[in-house]
Amino acid sequence: MSIVRTALVAAAIVAPALAAHAATPRLTDVQYIAASRCIGLMESKALGPVDDYALKARLRDEGAGRVSSVWDMADQARNEAASAASRASGYDKARLISERDSVCVALMPPTQTTAAPNTTHAE
């Protein structure tokens, strides 16, 4: 009976993660390339680095099954964005930061949020 119970507990733990993953639509090739460009912007010290772990994980997960030309274009887009960010100043720097903070955030996988416990007490 403990094997069945263990399997049920494991299924209960994994189910929300699988549901969230299934609900996330797969990136198109164009979005995949744009997301790779975002990695170049997000890693830039010149623009101020931001946390890109979730987007990198999404690209890693969705890289399988893509044709090599998409991988090549994604690598090129990432390298060009990193290069542009490293030499940007003034308006160009502001434009790249704006792109990183809007377009790139939209390509991030949706986060699974849980309700925080209510810690306020009425007296």
N, C-alpha and C. Protein backbone atom coordinates (compact mmCIF):
# COMPACT_ATOMS: atom_id res chain seq x y z
N MET A 1 0.81 -1.20 0.00
CA MET A 1 0.00 0.00 0.00
C MET A 1 0.86 1.26 0.00
N SER A 2 2.05 1.21 0.58
CA SER A 2 2.89 2.40 0.64
C SER A 2 3.39 2.81 -0.74
N ILE A 3 3.55 1.87 -1.66
CA ILE A 3 3.97 2.21 -3.02
C ILE A 3 2.88 3.03 -3.70
N VAL A 4 1.64 2.63 -3.52
CA VAL A 4 0.52 3.36 -4.10
C VAL A 4 0.43 4.75 -3.49
N ARG A 5 0.57 4.83 -2.19
CA ARG A 5 0.52 6.13 -1.51
C ARG A 5 1.65 7.04 -1.99
N THR A 6 2.84 6.48 -2.14
CA THR A 6 3.99 7.26 -2.62
C THR A 6 3.72 7.76 -4.04
N ALA A 7 3.17 6.91 -4.88
CA ALA A 7 2.85 7.31 -6.25
C ALA A 7 1.81 8.41 -6.28
N LEU A 8 0.82 8.33 -5.41
CA LEU A 8 -0.22 9.37 -5.36
C LEU A 8 0.35 10.70 -4.88
N VAL A 9 1.22 10.65 -3.88
CA VAL A 9 1.85 11.88 -3.38
C VAL A 9 2.72 12.49 -4.46
N ALA A 10 3.51 11.66 -5.14
CA ALA A 10 4.36 12.16 -6.22
C ALA A 10 3.53 12.78 -7.33
N ALA A 11 2.43 12.15 -7.68
CA ALA A 11 1.56 12.69 -8.73
C ALA A 11 0.95 14.02 -8.30
N ALA A 12 0.59 14.13 -7.04
CA ALA A 12 0.02 15.39 -6.54
C ALA A 12 1.03 16.51 -6.57
N ILE A 13 2.29 16.19 -6.34
CA ILE A 13 3.34 17.21 -6.35
C ILE A 13 3.66 17.63 -7.78
N VAL A 14 3.73 16.69 -8.69
CA VAL A 14 4.13 16.96 -10.07
C VAL A 14 3.01 17.55 -10.91
N ALA A 15 1.77 17.26 -10.60
CA ALA A 15 0.64 17.68 -11.43
C ALA A 15 0.59 19.18 -11.69
N PRO A 16 0.74 20.06 -10.68
CA PRO A 16 0.69 21.50 -10.98
C PRO A 16 1.79 21.95 -11.93
N ALA A 17 2.98 21.40 -11.79
CA ALA A 17 4.07 21.77 -12.68
C ALA A 17 3.78 21.32 -14.11
N LEU A 18 3.26 20.12 -14.26
CA LEU A 18 2.92 19.64 -15.60
C LEU A 18 1.79 20.45 -16.22
N ALA A 19 0.82 20.83 -15.41
CA ALA A 19 -0.29 21.64 -15.92
C ALA A 19 0.20 23.00 -16.37
N ALA A 20 1.10 23.61 -15.61
CA ALA A 20 1.64 24.92 -15.99
C ALA A 20 2.46 24.80 -17.26
N HIS A 21 3.23 23.71 -17.38
CA HIS A 21 4.05 23.51 -18.57
C HIS A 21 3.16 23.26 -19.79
N ALA A 22 2.11 22.50 -19.63
CA ALA A 22 1.21 22.20 -20.74
C ALA A 22 0.46 23.45 -21.18
N ALA A 23 0.21 24.36 -20.26
CA ALA A 23 -0.54 25.57 -20.58
C ALA A 23 0.33 26.61 -21.29
N THR A 24 1.64 26.44 -21.23
CA THR A 24 2.55 27.38 -21.86
C THR A 24 2.70 27.01 -23.33
N PRO A 25 2.27 27.89 -24.24
CA PRO A 25 2.41 27.55 -25.66
C PRO A 25 3.88 27.57 -26.08
N ARG A 26 4.19 26.74 -27.03
CA ARG A 26 5.56 26.65 -27.54
C ARG A 26 5.87 27.90 -28.36
N LEU A 27 7.10 28.40 -28.23
CA LEU A 27 7.53 29.57 -28.99
C LEU A 27 7.64 29.20 -30.47
N THR A 28 7.24 30.13 -31.32
CA THR A 28 7.48 29.95 -32.75
C THR A 28 8.97 30.13 -32.99
N ASP A 29 9.43 29.81 -34.20
CA ASP A 29 10.85 30.00 -34.51
C ASP A 29 11.25 31.46 -34.38
N VAL A 30 10.39 32.36 -34.82
CA VAL A 30 10.68 33.79 -34.74
C VAL A 30 10.77 34.23 -33.28
N GLN A 31 9.85 33.75 -32.45
CA GLN A 31 9.90 34.07 -31.03
C GLN A 31 11.12 33.47 -30.37
N TYR A 32 11.51 32.27 -30.78
CA TYR A 32 12.70 31.62 -30.25
C TYR A 32 13.94 32.45 -30.55
N ILE A 33 14.05 32.96 -31.75
CA ILE A 33 15.18 33.81 -32.13
C ILE A 33 15.14 35.12 -31.33
N ALA A 34 13.96 35.70 -31.18
CA ALA A 34 13.82 36.94 -30.40
C ALA A 34 14.19 36.70 -28.94
N ALA A 35 13.81 35.55 -28.40
CA ALA A 35 14.15 35.24 -27.02
C ALA A 35 15.65 35.08 -26.86
N SER A 36 16.29 34.53 -27.85
CA SER A 36 17.75 34.40 -27.81
C SER A 36 18.40 35.79 -27.85
N ARG A 37 17.84 36.69 -28.64
CA ARG A 37 18.33 38.07 -28.65
C ARG A 37 18.19 38.68 -27.26
N CYS A 38 17.09 38.37 -26.61
CA CYS A 38 16.86 38.88 -25.26
C CYS A 38 17.93 38.40 -24.29
N ILE A 39 18.39 37.18 -24.46
CA ILE A 39 19.46 36.67 -23.59
C ILE A 39 20.69 37.55 -23.74
N GLY A 40 21.02 37.94 -24.96
CA GLY A 40 22.16 38.84 -25.19
C GLY A 40 21.99 40.17 -24.48
N LEU A 41 20.75 40.69 -24.47
CA LEU A 41 20.49 41.95 -23.79
C LEU A 41 20.49 41.77 -22.27
N MET A 42 19.92 40.68 -21.81
CA MET A 42 19.80 40.45 -20.37
C MET A 42 21.15 40.18 -19.70
N GLU A 43 22.08 39.62 -20.44
CA GLU A 43 23.39 39.32 -19.88
C GLU A 43 24.34 40.51 -19.93
N SER A 44 23.97 41.55 -20.63
CA SER A 44 24.85 42.69 -20.83
C SER A 44 25.12 43.45 -19.53
N LYS A 45 26.38 43.59 -19.20
CA LYS A 45 26.77 44.38 -18.04
C LYS A 45 26.56 45.86 -18.32
N ALA A 46 26.67 46.25 -19.58
CA ALA A 46 26.50 47.66 -19.95
C ALA A 46 25.06 48.13 -19.74
N LEU A 47 24.09 47.23 -19.89
CA LEU A 47 22.69 47.60 -19.70
C LEU A 47 22.23 47.33 -18.28
N GLY A 48 23.07 46.68 -17.53
CA GLY A 48 22.68 46.28 -16.18
C GLY A 48 22.07 44.89 -16.26
N PRO A 49 22.80 43.89 -15.83
CA PRO A 49 22.29 42.52 -15.96
C PRO A 49 21.03 42.29 -15.16
N VAL A 50 20.19 41.42 -15.68
CA VAL A 50 18.96 41.02 -15.00
C VAL A 50 18.92 39.50 -14.96
N ASP A 51 18.02 38.96 -14.17
CA ASP A 51 17.89 37.52 -14.04
C ASP A 51 17.30 36.93 -15.32
N ASP A 52 18.08 36.11 -15.98
CA ASP A 52 17.64 35.50 -17.23
C ASP A 52 17.50 33.99 -17.12
N TYR A 53 17.52 33.48 -15.91
CA TYR A 53 17.47 32.03 -15.70
C TYR A 53 16.22 31.40 -16.33
N ALA A 54 15.07 31.98 -16.10
CA ALA A 54 13.82 31.40 -16.60
C ALA A 54 13.77 31.37 -18.12
N LEU A 55 14.25 32.44 -18.74
CA LEU A 55 14.23 32.48 -20.21
C LEU A 55 15.25 31.50 -20.79
N LYS A 56 16.42 31.40 -20.16
CA LYS A 56 17.41 30.42 -20.62
C LYS A 56 16.86 29.00 -20.51
N ALA A 57 16.17 28.73 -19.42
CA ALA A 57 15.58 27.39 -19.23
C ALA A 57 14.54 27.12 -20.30
N ARG A 58 13.74 28.13 -20.61
CA ARG A 58 12.71 27.95 -21.64
C ARG A 58 13.35 27.68 -23.00
N LEU A 59 14.41 28.42 -23.33
CA LEU A 59 15.08 28.19 -24.61
C LEU A 59 15.71 26.80 -24.65
N ARG A 60 16.30 26.38 -23.54
CA ARG A 60 16.90 25.05 -23.48
C ARG A 60 15.82 23.98 -23.70
N ASP A 61 14.68 24.14 -23.04
CA ASP A 61 13.59 23.17 -23.16
C ASP A 61 13.00 23.15 -24.57
N GLU A 62 12.92 24.31 -25.19
CA GLU A 62 12.27 24.40 -26.50
C GLU A 62 13.24 24.30 -27.67
N GLY A 63 14.52 24.14 -27.39
CA GLY A 63 15.50 24.04 -28.46
C GLY A 63 15.41 22.73 -29.22
N ALA A 64 14.96 21.70 -28.54
CA ALA A 64 14.86 20.38 -29.19
C ALA A 64 13.83 20.43 -30.31
N GLY A 65 14.18 19.83 -31.40
CA GLY A 65 13.26 19.75 -32.51
C GLY A 65 13.34 20.94 -33.47
N ARG A 66 14.16 21.90 -33.17
CA ARG A 66 14.32 23.04 -34.08
C ARG A 66 15.39 22.70 -35.12
N VAL A 67 15.23 23.24 -36.31
CA VAL A 67 16.22 23.00 -37.35
C VAL A 67 17.47 23.81 -37.05
N SER A 68 18.59 23.35 -37.57
CA SER A 68 19.87 23.99 -37.25
C SER A 68 19.94 25.44 -37.71
N SER A 69 19.22 25.78 -38.76
CA SER A 69 19.26 27.18 -39.22
C SER A 69 18.62 28.10 -38.19
N VAL A 70 17.62 27.63 -37.45
CA VAL A 70 17.01 28.44 -36.39
C VAL A 70 18.00 28.61 -35.25
N TRP A 71 18.72 27.56 -34.90
CA TRP A 71 19.75 27.67 -33.86
C TRP A 71 20.82 28.67 -34.27
N ASP A 72 21.23 28.60 -35.54
CA ASP A 72 22.26 29.52 -36.04
C ASP A 72 21.77 30.97 -35.98
N MET A 73 20.53 31.20 -36.41
CA MET A 73 19.98 32.57 -36.36
C MET A 73 19.82 33.04 -34.91
N ALA A 74 19.45 32.14 -34.02
CA ALA A 74 19.31 32.49 -32.61
C ALA A 74 20.66 32.87 -32.01
N ASP A 75 21.70 32.10 -32.33
CA ASP A 75 23.05 32.43 -31.85
C ASP A 75 23.51 33.77 -32.38
N GLN A 76 23.25 34.01 -33.66
CA GLN A 76 23.64 35.27 -34.28
C GLN A 76 22.89 36.43 -33.64
N ALA A 77 21.61 36.27 -33.40
CA ALA A 77 20.81 37.34 -32.77
C ALA A 77 21.32 37.65 -31.36
N ARG A 78 21.65 36.60 -30.59
CA ARG A 78 22.18 36.80 -29.24
C ARG A 78 23.51 37.54 -29.29
N ASN A 79 24.40 37.13 -30.18
CA ASN A 79 25.72 37.76 -30.29
C ASN A 79 25.61 39.21 -30.75
N GLU A 80 24.74 39.48 -31.71
CA GLU A 80 24.56 40.85 -32.20
C GLU A 80 23.96 41.75 -31.11
N ALA A 81 23.03 41.22 -30.34
CA ALA A 81 22.43 42.01 -29.25
C ALA A 81 23.47 42.32 -28.18
N ALA A 82 24.28 41.34 -27.83
CA ALA A 82 25.32 41.56 -26.82
C ALA A 82 26.32 42.60 -27.31
N SER A 83 26.68 42.53 -28.58
CA SER A 83 27.62 43.49 -29.16
C SER A 83 27.02 44.90 -29.18
N ALA A 84 25.76 45.01 -29.61
CA ALA A 84 25.09 46.31 -29.65
C ALA A 84 24.97 46.90 -28.24
N ALA A 85 24.68 46.06 -27.28
CA ALA A 85 24.53 46.53 -25.89
C ALA A 85 25.85 47.01 -25.33
N SER A 86 26.94 46.34 -25.68
CA SER A 86 28.24 46.72 -25.12
C SER A 86 28.73 48.06 -25.64
N ARG A 87 28.28 48.47 -26.81
CA ARG A 87 28.74 49.75 -27.36
C ARG A 87 27.66 50.84 -27.35
N ALA A 88 26.50 50.53 -26.82
CA ALA A 88 25.39 51.48 -26.83
C ALA A 88 25.58 52.58 -25.79
N SER A 89 25.09 53.75 -26.14
CA SER A 89 25.07 54.87 -25.20
C SER A 89 23.88 55.76 -25.55
N GLY A 90 23.49 56.58 -24.60
CA GLY A 90 22.41 57.52 -24.83
C GLY A 90 21.11 56.87 -25.25
N TYR A 91 20.58 57.36 -26.37
CA TYR A 91 19.29 56.88 -26.86
C TYR A 91 19.31 55.39 -27.17
N ASP A 92 20.38 54.91 -27.81
CA ASP A 92 20.46 53.49 -28.16
C ASP A 92 20.44 52.61 -26.92
N LYS A 93 21.12 53.04 -25.88
CA LYS A 93 21.13 52.28 -24.63
C LYS A 93 19.73 52.25 -24.02
N ALA A 94 19.06 53.39 -24.01
CA ALA A 94 17.70 53.46 -23.48
C ALA A 94 16.74 52.60 -24.29
N ARG A 95 16.91 52.57 -25.60
CA ARG A 95 16.06 51.76 -26.47
C ARG A 95 16.26 50.26 -26.19
N LEU A 96 17.51 49.86 -26.01
CA LEU A 96 17.80 48.45 -25.73
C LEU A 96 17.28 48.03 -24.36
N ILE A 97 17.41 48.92 -23.38
CA ILE A 97 16.87 48.63 -22.05
C ILE A 97 15.36 48.51 -22.12
N SER A 98 14.73 49.40 -22.88
CA SER A 98 13.27 49.33 -23.04
C SER A 98 12.85 48.02 -23.71
N GLU A 99 13.58 47.60 -24.73
CA GLU A 99 13.29 46.33 -25.39
C GLU A 99 13.44 45.17 -24.41
N ARG A 100 14.52 45.19 -23.65
CA ARG A 100 14.76 44.12 -22.67
C ARG A 100 13.66 44.06 -21.63
N ASP A 101 13.19 45.23 -21.19
CA ASP A 101 12.21 45.28 -20.12
C ASP A 101 10.76 45.12 -20.59
N SER A 102 10.53 45.11 -21.90
CA SER A 102 9.16 44.93 -22.38
C SER A 102 9.04 43.67 -23.24
N VAL A 103 9.68 43.65 -24.37
CA VAL A 103 9.58 42.52 -25.29
C VAL A 103 10.11 41.25 -24.63
N CYS A 104 11.24 41.37 -23.97
CA CYS A 104 11.87 40.18 -23.37
C CYS A 104 11.05 39.63 -22.21
N VAL A 105 10.47 40.51 -21.44
CA VAL A 105 9.64 40.06 -20.32
C VAL A 105 8.42 39.31 -20.86
N ALA A 106 7.90 39.74 -21.99
CA ALA A 106 6.73 39.07 -22.59
C ALA A 106 7.07 37.66 -23.05
N LEU A 107 8.33 37.39 -23.35
CA LEU A 107 8.75 36.06 -23.81
C LEU A 107 9.10 35.12 -22.66
N MET A 108 9.15 35.66 -21.45
CA MET A 108 9.47 34.83 -20.29
C MET A 108 8.33 33.85 -20.06
N PRO A 109 8.66 32.67 -19.54
CA PRO A 109 7.58 31.72 -19.25
C PRO A 109 6.72 32.27 -18.12
N PRO A 110 5.43 31.95 -18.14
CA PRO A 110 4.57 32.44 -17.06
C PRO A 110 5.02 31.84 -15.74
N THR A 111 4.97 32.65 -14.69
CA THR A 111 5.36 32.15 -13.38
C THR A 111 4.14 31.61 -12.68
N GLN A 112 4.39 30.61 -11.90
CA GLN A 112 3.30 30.02 -11.12
C GLN A 112 3.33 30.71 -9.77
N THR A 113 2.26 31.41 -9.47
CA THR A 113 2.20 32.13 -8.21
C THR A 113 1.29 31.41 -7.24
N THR A 114 1.63 31.53 -6.00
CA THR A 114 0.77 30.97 -4.97
C THR A 114 0.38 32.10 -4.04
N ALA A 115 -0.76 31.97 -3.48
CA ALA A 115 -1.25 33.01 -2.58
C ALA A 115 -0.40 33.02 -1.30
N ALA A 116 0.01 34.20 -0.90
CA ALA A 116 0.79 34.33 0.32
C ALA A 116 -0.15 34.21 1.50
N PRO A 117 0.31 33.60 2.57
CA PRO A 117 -0.57 33.49 3.73
C PRO A 117 -0.85 34.86 4.32
N ASN A 118 -2.04 35.02 4.81
CA ASN A 118 -2.42 36.28 5.42
C ASN A 118 -1.78 36.37 6.80
N THR A 119 -0.84 37.31 6.95
CA THR A 119 -0.12 37.42 8.21
C THR A 119 -0.60 38.59 9.06
N THR A 120 -1.61 39.30 8.56
CA THR A 120 -2.15 40.42 9.36
C THR A 120 -3.18 39.89 10.32
N HIS A 121 -3.20 40.45 11.48
CA HIS A 121 -4.14 40.02 12.49
C HIS A 121 -4.98 41.21 12.94
N ALA A 122 -6.25 41.05 12.93
CA ALA A 122 -7.13 42.10 13.41
C ALA A 122 -7.17 42.06 14.92
N GLU A 123 -7.06 43.24 15.52
CA GLU A 123 -7.08 43.28 16.99
C GLU A 123 -8.27 44.01 17.48
